[in-house]
């Protein structure tokens, strides 16, 4: 299972994030996400990029750190601000 644009997801840090956008580069799925407040009504904090890894049907999220792919993502995401990793 992967995430959809405009979906709210909970990550391991127990915080909720809004999926702003998604992109596939070299058969890997990257998401631009931003934390939402407790009421899930307002975006807070910086935008960030994460990589989805499917391991035998289990979905894991990792920080995106590949500089070449991040450069491609910067072009892809329309409302780009910065990458935090």
PDB file of N, CA and C in Angstrom:
ATOM      1  N   UNK A   1       0.840  -1.183   0.000  1.00  0.00           N
ATOM      2  CA  UNK A   1       0.000   0.000   0.000  1.00  0.00           C
ATOM      3  C   UNK A   1       0.885   1.245   0.000  1.00  0.00           C
ATOM      4  N   UNK A   2       0.545   2.186  -0.844  1.00  0.00           N
ATOM      5  CA  UNK A   2       1.269   3.438  -0.889  1.00  0.00           C
ATOM      6  C   UNK A   2       0.314   4.570  -0.553  1.00  0.00           C
ATOM      7  N   UNK A   3       0.833   5.751  -0.402  1.00  0.00           N
ATOM      8  CA  UNK A   3       0.026   6.894   0.003  1.00  0.00           C
ATOM      9  C   UNK A   3      -0.532   7.625  -1.206  1.00  0.00           C
ATOM     10  N   UNK A   4      -1.623   8.323  -1.003  1.00  0.00           N
ATOM     11  CA  UNK A   4      -2.232   9.121  -2.052  1.00  0.00           C
ATOM     12  C   UNK A   4      -2.035  10.602  -1.746  1.00  0.00           C
ATOM     13  N   UNK A   5      -1.980  11.404  -2.790  1.00  0.00           N
ATOM     14  CA  UNK A   5      -1.913  12.851  -2.635  1.00  0.00           C
ATOM     15  C   UNK A   5      -3.124  13.308  -1.839  1.00  0.00           C
ATOM     16  N   UNK A   6      -2.926  14.266  -0.944  1.00  0.00           N
ATOM     17  CA  UNK A   6      -3.956  14.850  -0.067  1.00  0.00           C
ATOM     18  C   UNK A   6      -4.387  13.919   1.058  1.00  0.00           C
ATOM     19  N   UNK A   7      -3.665  12.842   1.287  1.00  0.00           N
ATOM     20  CA  UNK A   7      -3.954  11.925   2.385  1.00  0.00           C
ATOM     21  C   UNK A   7      -3.197  12.377   3.633  1.00  0.00           C
ATOM     22  N   UNK A   8      -3.766  12.115   4.800  1.00  0.00           N
ATOM     23  CA  UNK A   8      -3.067  12.369   6.058  1.00  0.00           C
ATOM     24  C   UNK A   8      -2.553  11.035   6.565  1.00  0.00           C
ATOM     25  N   UNK A   9      -1.256  11.006   6.876  1.00  0.00           N
ATOM     26  CA  UNK A   9      -0.609   9.774   7.310  1.00  0.00           C
ATOM     27  C   UNK A   9       0.059   9.995   8.669  1.00  0.00           C
ATOM     28  N   UNK A  10       0.229   8.935   9.419  1.00  0.00           N
ATOM     29  CA  UNK A  10       0.957   8.999  10.687  1.00  0.00           C
ATOM     30  C   UNK A  10       2.262   8.241  10.508  1.00  0.00           C
ATOM     31  N   UNK A  11       3.365   8.874  10.871  1.00  0.00           N
ATOM     32  CA  UNK A  11       4.665   8.230  10.769  1.00  0.00           C
ATOM     33  C   UNK A  11       5.124   7.759  12.142  1.00  0.00           C
ATOM     34  N   UNK A  12       6.282   7.112  12.181  1.00  0.00           N
ATOM     35  CA  UNK A  12       6.793   6.528  13.424  1.00  0.00           C
ATOM     36  C   UNK A  12       6.978   7.535  14.547  1.00  0.00           C
ATOM     37  N   UNK A  13       7.118   8.812  14.209  1.00  0.00           N
ATOM     38  CA  UNK A  13       7.299   9.826  15.254  1.00  0.00           C
ATOM     39  C   UNK A  13       5.969  10.192  15.913  1.00  0.00           C
ATOM     40  N   UNK A  14       4.894   9.469  15.526  1.00  0.00           N
ATOM     41  CA  UNK A  14       3.534   9.657  16.074  1.00  0.00           C
ATOM     42  C   UNK A  14       2.938  11.011  15.702  1.00  0.00           C
ATOM     43  N   UNK A  15       3.476  11.644  14.683  1.00  0.00           N
ATOM     44  CA  UNK A  15       2.936  12.902  14.175  1.00  0.00           C
ATOM     45  C   UNK A  15       2.210  12.620  12.874  1.00  0.00           C
ATOM     46  N   UNK A  16       1.226  13.446  12.569  1.00  0.00           N
ATOM     47  CA  UNK A  16       0.476  13.303  11.329  1.00  0.00           C
ATOM     48  C   UNK A  16       1.025  14.262  10.275  1.00  0.00           C
ATOM     49  N   UNK A  17       1.042  13.767   9.033  1.00  0.00           N
ATOM     50  CA  UNK A  17       1.576  14.533   7.925  1.00  0.00           C
ATOM     51  C   UNK A  17       0.588  14.500   6.761  1.00  0.00           C
ATOM     52  N   UNK A  18       0.538  15.599   6.039  1.00  0.00           N
ATOM     53  CA  UNK A  18      -0.297  15.723   4.858  1.00  0.00           C
ATOM     54  C   UNK A  18       0.566  15.437   3.641  1.00  0.00           C
ATOM     55  N   UNK A  19       0.121  14.555   2.759  1.00  0.00           N
ATOM     56  CA  UNK A  19       0.858  14.233   1.544  1.00  0.00           C
ATOM     57  C   UNK A  19       0.547  15.305   0.501  1.00  0.00           C
ATOM     58  N   UNK A  20       1.527  16.150   0.244  1.00  0.00           N
ATOM     59  CA  UNK A  20       1.367  17.260  -0.692  1.00  0.00           C
ATOM     60  C   UNK A  20       1.494  16.819  -2.138  1.00  0.00           C
ATOM     61  N   UNK A  21       2.409  15.888  -2.387  1.00  0.00           N
ATOM     62  CA  UNK A  21       2.668  15.470  -3.753  1.00  0.00           C
ATOM     63  C   UNK A  21       3.440  14.161  -3.724  1.00  0.00           C
ATOM     64  N   UNK A  22       3.483  13.495  -4.855  1.00  0.00           N
ATOM     65  CA  UNK A  22       4.234  12.249  -4.988  1.00  0.00           C
ATOM     66  C   UNK A  22       4.897  12.227  -6.354  1.00  0.00           C
ATOM     67  N   UNK A  23       6.019  11.521  -6.434  1.00  0.00           N
ATOM     68  CA  UNK A  23       6.728  11.402  -7.707  1.00  0.00           C
ATOM     69  C   UNK A  23       7.457  10.068  -7.742  1.00  0.00           C
ATOM     70  N   UNK A  24       7.540   9.498  -8.931  1.00  0.00           N
ATOM     71  CA  UNK A  24       8.298   8.266  -9.130  1.00  0.00           C
ATOM     72  C   UNK A  24       9.537   8.610  -9.927  1.00  0.00           C
ATOM     73  N   UNK A  25      10.690   8.274  -9.366  1.00  0.00           N
ATOM     74  CA  UNK A  25      11.968   8.492 -10.037  1.00  0.00           C
ATOM     75  C   UNK A  25      12.769   7.206  -9.931  1.00  0.00           C
ATOM     76  N   UNK A  26      13.184   6.683 -11.073  1.00  0.00           N
ATOM     77  CA  UNK A  26      13.970   5.443 -11.117  1.00  0.00           C
ATOM     78  C   UNK A  26      13.277   4.321 -10.334  1.00  0.00           C
ATOM     79  N   UNK A  27      11.981   4.176 -10.538  1.00  0.00           N
ATOM     80  CA  UNK A  27      11.161   3.139  -9.901  1.00  0.00           C
ATOM     81  C   UNK A  27      11.100   3.240  -8.379  1.00  0.00           C
ATOM     82  N   UNK A  28      11.343   4.418  -7.839  1.00  0.00           N
ATOM     83  CA  UNK A  28      11.189   4.660  -6.410  1.00  0.00           C
ATOM     84  C   UNK A  28      10.142   5.753  -6.221  1.00  0.00           C
ATOM     85  N   UNK A  29       9.351   5.621  -5.150  1.00  0.00           N
ATOM     86  CA  UNK A  29       8.285   6.591  -4.908  1.00  0.00           C
ATOM     87  C   UNK A  29       8.704   7.547  -3.799  1.00  0.00           C
ATOM     88  N   UNK A  30       8.660   8.840  -4.129  1.00  0.00           N
ATOM     89  CA  UNK A  30       9.006   9.893  -3.189  1.00  0.00           C
ATOM     90  C   UNK A  30       7.751  10.706  -2.879  1.00  0.00           C
ATOM     91  N   UNK A  31       7.660  11.171  -1.650  1.00  0.00           N
ATOM     92  CA  UNK A  31       6.527  11.989  -1.232  1.00  0.00           C
ATOM     93  C   UNK A  31       7.029  13.301  -0.656  1.00  0.00           C
ATOM     94  N   UNK A  32       6.339  14.379  -0.984  1.00  0.00           N
ATOM     95  CA  UNK A  32       6.563  15.660  -0.316  1.00  0.00           C
ATOM     96  C   UNK A  32       5.469  15.737   0.743  1.00  0.00           C
ATOM     97  N   UNK A  33       5.864  15.863   2.003  1.00  0.00           N
ATOM     98  CA  UNK A  33       4.908  15.871   3.109  1.00  0.00           C
ATOM     99  C   UNK A  33       5.139  17.080   4.000  1.00  0.00           C
ATOM    100  N   UNK A  34       4.113  17.407   4.794  1.00  0.00           N
ATOM    101  CA  UNK A  34       4.230  18.488   5.766  1.00  0.00           C
ATOM    102  C   UNK A  34       3.364  18.126   6.959  1.00  0.00           C
ATOM    103  N   UNK A  35       3.878  18.386   8.141  1.00  0.00           N
ATOM    104  CA  UNK A  35       3.151  18.063   9.376  1.00  0.00           C
ATOM    105  C   UNK A  35       1.861  18.872   9.462  1.00  0.00           C
ATOM    106  N   UNK A  36       0.830  18.262  10.057  1.00  0.00           N
ATOM    107  CA  UNK A  36      -0.435  18.951  10.310  1.00  0.00           C
ATOM    108  C   UNK A  36      -0.626  19.069  11.817  1.00  0.00           C
ATOM    109  N   UNK A  37      -1.397  20.086  12.235  1.00  0.00           N
ATOM    110  CA  UNK A  37      -1.647  20.270  13.661  1.00  0.00           C
ATOM    111  C   UNK A  37      -2.581  19.173  14.166  1.00  0.00           C
ATOM    112  N   UNK A  38      -2.832  19.145  15.477  1.00  0.00           N
ATOM    113  CA  UNK A  38      -3.643  18.092  16.086  1.00  0.00           C
ATOM    114  C   UNK A  38      -5.049  18.026  15.521  1.00  0.00           C
ATOM    115  N   UNK A  39      -5.591  19.143  15.129  1.00  0.00           N
ATOM    116  CA  UNK A  39      -6.941  19.187  14.566  1.00  0.00           C
ATOM    117  C   UNK A  39      -6.948  18.819  13.074  1.00  0.00           C
ATOM    118  N   UNK A  40      -5.753  18.604  12.522  1.00  0.00           N
ATOM    119  CA  UNK A  40      -5.574  18.294  11.106  1.00  0.00           C
ATOM    120  C   UNK A  40      -6.190  19.363  10.213  1.00  0.00           C
ATOM    121  N   UNK A  41      -6.104  20.610  10.686  1.00  0.00           N
ATOM    122  CA  UNK A  41      -6.710  21.725   9.962  1.00  0.00           C
ATOM    123  C   UNK A  41      -5.682  22.694   9.399  1.00  0.00           C
ATOM    124  N   UNK A  42      -4.427  22.576   9.838  1.00  0.00           N
ATOM    125  CA  UNK A  42      -3.413  23.548   9.432  1.00  0.00           C
ATOM    126  C   UNK A  42      -2.076  22.842   9.230  1.00  0.00           C
ATOM    127  N   UNK A  43      -1.385  23.212   8.156  1.00  0.00           N
ATOM    128  CA  UNK A  43      -0.046  22.691   7.911  1.00  0.00           C
ATOM    129  C   UNK A  43       0.949  23.466   8.750  1.00  0.00           C
ATOM    130  N   UNK A  44       1.863  22.745   9.400  1.00  0.00           N
ATOM    131  CA  UNK A  44       2.874  23.376  10.247  1.00  0.00           C
ATOM    132  C   UNK A  44       4.245  22.797   9.912  1.00  0.00           C
ATOM    133  N   UNK A  45       5.278  23.523  10.265  1.00  0.00           N
ATOM    134  CA  UNK A  45       6.627  23.030  10.048  1.00  0.00           C
ATOM    135  C   UNK A  45       7.025  23.043   8.586  1.00  0.00           C
ATOM    136  N   UNK A  46       8.248  22.579   8.333  1.00  0.00           N
ATOM    137  CA  UNK A  46       8.776  22.606   6.961  1.00  0.00           C
ATOM    138  C   UNK A  46       8.220  21.460   6.118  1.00  0.00           C
ATOM    139  N   UNK A  47       8.241  21.670   4.812  1.00  0.00           N
ATOM    140  CA  UNK A  47       7.956  20.579   3.883  1.00  0.00           C
ATOM    141  C   UNK A  47       9.184  19.683   3.870  1.00  0.00           C
ATOM    142  N   UNK A  48       8.975  18.401   3.668  1.00  0.00           N
ATOM    143  CA  UNK A  48      10.095  17.471   3.627  1.00  0.00           C
ATOM    144  C   UNK A  48       9.834  16.395   2.579  1.00  0.00           C
ATOM    145  N   UNK A  49      10.881  15.707   2.189  1.00  0.00           N
ATOM    146  CA  UNK A  49      10.791  14.650   1.195  1.00  0.00           C
ATOM    147  C   UNK A  49      11.157  13.326   1.849  1.00  0.00           C
ATOM    148  N   UNK A  50      10.310  12.312   1.620  1.00  0.00           N
ATOM    149  CA  UNK A  50      10.584  10.974   2.126  1.00  0.00           C
ATOM    150  C   UNK A  50      10.475   9.978   0.982  1.00  0.00           C
ATOM    151  N   UNK A  51      11.100   8.832   1.173  1.00  0.00           N
ATOM    152  CA  UNK A  51      11.116   7.756   0.194  1.00  0.00           C
ATOM    153  C   UNK A  51      10.315   6.598   0.756  1.00  0.00           C
ATOM    154  N   UNK A  52       9.417   6.028  -0.037  1.00  0.00           N
ATOM    155  CA  UNK A  52       8.643   4.855   0.362  1.00  0.00           C
ATOM    156  C   UNK A  52       9.371   3.597  -0.101  1.00  0.00           C
ATOM    157  N   UNK A  53       9.557   2.659   0.815  1.00  0.00           N
ATOM    158  CA  UNK A  53      10.227   1.412   0.504  1.00  0.00           C
ATOM    159  C   UNK A  53       9.261   0.276   0.798  1.00  0.00           C
ATOM    160  N   UNK A  54       8.974  -0.548  -0.212  1.00  0.00           N
ATOM    161  CA  UNK A  54       8.085  -1.695  -0.045  1.00  0.00           C
ATOM    162  C   UNK A  54       8.955  -2.931   0.153  1.00  0.00           C
ATOM    163  N   UNK A  55       8.879  -3.533   1.341  1.00  0.00           N
ATOM    164  CA  UNK A  55       9.672  -4.711   1.663  1.00  0.00           C
ATOM    165  C   UNK A  55       8.725  -5.871   1.957  1.00  0.00           C
ATOM    166  N   UNK A  56       8.502  -6.727   0.972  1.00  0.00           N
ATOM    167  CA  UNK A  56       7.605  -7.877   1.101  1.00  0.00           C
ATOM    168  C   UNK A  56       6.226  -7.492   1.614  1.00  0.00           C
ATOM    169  N   UNK A  57       5.659  -6.429   1.042  1.00  0.00           N
ATOM    170  CA  UNK A  57       4.308  -6.004   1.394  1.00  0.00           C
ATOM    171  C   UNK A  57       4.228  -5.039   2.557  1.00  0.00           C
ATOM    172  N   UNK A  58       5.329  -4.792   3.246  1.00  0.00           N
ATOM    173  CA  UNK A  58       5.356  -3.809   4.334  1.00  0.00           C
ATOM    174  C   UNK A  58       5.937  -2.509   3.804  1.00  0.00           C
ATOM    175  N   UNK A  59       5.284  -1.402   4.130  1.00  0.00           N
ATOM    176  CA  UNK A  59       5.721  -0.100   3.658  1.00  0.00           C
ATOM    177  C   UNK A  59       6.555   0.590   4.727  1.00  0.00           C
ATOM    178  N   UNK A  60       7.748   1.017   4.345  1.00  0.00           N
ATOM    179  CA  UNK A  60       8.642   1.744   5.234  1.00  0.00           C
ATOM    180  C   UNK A  60       8.915   3.109   4.632  1.00  0.00           C
ATOM    181  N   UNK A  61       9.104   4.081   5.492  1.00  0.00           N
ATOM    182  CA  UNK A  61       9.423   5.436   5.063  1.00  0.00           C
ATOM    183  C   UNK A  61      10.839   5.764   5.504  1.00  0.00           C
ATOM    184  N   UNK A  62      11.638   6.274   4.574  1.00  0.00           N
ATOM    185  CA  UNK A  62      13.009   6.671   4.859  1.00  0.00           C
ATOM    186  C   UNK A  62      13.218   8.110   4.418  1.00  0.00           C
ATOM    187  N   UNK A  63      14.188   8.764   5.015  1.00  0.00           N
ATOM    188  CA  UNK A  63      14.571  10.098   4.544  1.00  0.00           C
ATOM    189  C   UNK A  63      15.168   9.965   3.151  1.00  0.00           C
ATOM    190  N   UNK A  64      14.828  10.880   2.287  1.00  0.00           N
ATOM    191  CA  UNK A  64      15.394  10.910   0.941  1.00  0.00           C
ATOM    192  C   UNK A  64      16.728  11.627   1.001  1.00  0.00           C
ATOM    193  N   UNK A  65      17.799  10.941   0.587  1.00  0.00           N
ATOM    194  CA  UNK A  65      19.133  11.536   0.698  1.00  0.00           C
ATOM    195  C   UNK A  65      19.939  11.487  -0.596  1.00  0.00           C
ATOM    196  N   UNK A  66      19.459  10.821  -1.627  1.00  0.00           N
ATOM    197  CA  UNK A  66      20.187  10.716  -2.890  1.00  0.00           C
ATOM    198  C   UNK A  66      20.166  12.079  -3.585  1.00  0.00           C
ATOM    199  N   UNK A  67      21.306  12.733  -3.651  1.00  0.00           N
ATOM    200  CA  UNK A  67      21.401  14.100  -4.177  1.00  0.00           C
ATOM    201  C   UNK A  67      20.912  14.214  -5.623  1.00  0.00           C
ATOM    202  N   UNK A  68      21.234  13.244  -6.452  1.00  0.00           N
ATOM    203  CA  UNK A  68      20.816  13.290  -7.854  1.00  0.00           C
ATOM    204  C   UNK A  68      19.291  13.224  -7.963  1.00  0.00           C
ATOM    205  N   UNK A  69      18.684  12.324  -7.198  1.00  0.00           N
ATOM    206  CA  UNK A  69      17.229  12.188  -7.224  1.00  0.00           C
ATOM    207  C   UNK A  69      16.557  13.399  -6.581  1.00  0.00           C
ATOM    208  N   UNK A  70      17.162  13.949  -5.548  1.00  0.00           N
ATOM    209  CA  UNK A  70      16.601  15.139  -4.914  1.00  0.00           C
ATOM    210  C   UNK A  70      16.603  16.320  -5.887  1.00  0.00           C
ATOM    211  N   UNK A  71      17.615  16.399  -6.726  1.00  0.00           N
ATOM    212  CA  UNK A  71      17.656  17.470  -7.728  1.00  0.00           C
ATOM    213  C   UNK A  71      16.497  17.317  -8.716  1.00  0.00           C
ATOM    214  N   UNK A  72      16.209  16.080  -9.123  1.00  0.00           N
ATOM    215  CA  UNK A  72      15.078  15.832 -10.008  1.00  0.00           C
ATOM    216  C   UNK A  72      13.760  16.172  -9.308  1.00  0.00           C
ATOM    217  N   UNK A  73      13.671  15.841  -8.040  1.00  0.00           N
ATOM    218  CA  UNK A  73      12.457  16.122  -7.279  1.00  0.00           C
ATOM    219  C   UNK A  73      12.230  17.614  -7.128  1.00  0.00           C
ATOM    220  N   UNK A  74      13.306  18.345  -6.971  1.00  0.00           N
ATOM    221  CA  UNK A  74      13.189  19.795  -6.837  1.00  0.00           C
ATOM    222  C   UNK A  74      12.499  20.384  -8.055  1.00  0.00           C
ATOM    223  N   UNK A  75      12.797  19.833  -9.217  1.00  0.00           N
ATOM    224  CA  UNK A  75      12.151  20.277 -10.451  1.00  0.00           C
ATOM    225  C   UNK A  75      10.688  19.826 -10.486  1.00  0.00           C
ATOM    226  N   UNK A  76      10.413  18.664  -9.921  1.00  0.00           N
ATOM    227  CA  UNK A  76       9.079  18.061 -10.018  1.00  0.00           C
ATOM    228  C   UNK A  76       8.054  18.730  -9.100  1.00  0.00           C
ATOM    229  N   UNK A  77       8.439  18.997  -7.868  1.00  0.00           N
ATOM    230  CA  UNK A  77       7.483  19.515  -6.899  1.00  0.00           C
ATOM    231  C   UNK A  77       7.298  21.012  -7.104  1.00  0.00           C
ATOM    232  N   UNK A  78       6.106  21.404  -7.455  1.00  0.00           N
ATOM    233  CA  UNK A  78       5.798  22.787  -7.836  1.00  0.00           C
ATOM    234  C   UNK A  78       6.006  23.776  -6.704  1.00  0.00           C
ATOM    235  N   UNK A  79       5.648  23.422  -5.492  1.00  0.00           N
ATOM    236  CA  UNK A  79       5.732  24.348  -4.360  1.00  0.00           C
ATOM    237  C   UNK A  79       6.940  24.050  -3.486  1.00  0.00           C
ATOM    238  N   UNK A  80       8.043  23.814  -4.120  1.00  0.00           N
ATOM    239  CA  UNK A  80       9.250  23.411  -3.416  1.00  0.00           C
ATOM    240  C   UNK A  80       9.737  24.511  -2.470  1.00  0.00           C
ATOM    241  N   UNK A  81      10.089  24.148  -1.258  1.00  0.00           N
ATOM    242  CA  UNK A  81      10.701  25.109  -0.336  1.00  0.00           C
ATOM    243  C   UNK A  81      12.116  24.631   0.007  1.00  0.00           C
ATOM    244  N   UNK A  82      12.249  23.494   0.650  1.00  0.00           N
ATOM    245  CA  UNK A  82      13.576  22.972   0.966  1.00  0.00           C
ATOM    246  C   UNK A  82      13.465  21.517   1.385  1.00  0.00           C
ATOM    247  N   UNK A  83      14.615  20.865   1.428  1.00  0.00           N
ATOM    248  CA  UNK A  83      14.690  19.464   1.838  1.00  0.00           C
ATOM    249  C   UNK A  83      15.384  19.422   3.191  1.00  0.00           C
ATOM    250  N   UNK A  84      14.832  18.661   4.086  1.00  0.00           N
ATOM    251  CA  UNK A  84      15.440  18.476   5.402  1.00  0.00           C
ATOM    252  C   UNK A  84      15.744  16.998   5.569  1.00  0.00           C
ATOM    253  N   UNK A  85      17.023  16.659   5.801  1.00  0.00           N
ATOM    254  CA  UNK A  85      17.408  15.277   6.048  1.00  0.00           C
ATOM    255  C   UNK A  85      18.633  15.249   6.915  1.00  0.00           C
TER     256      UNK A  85
END
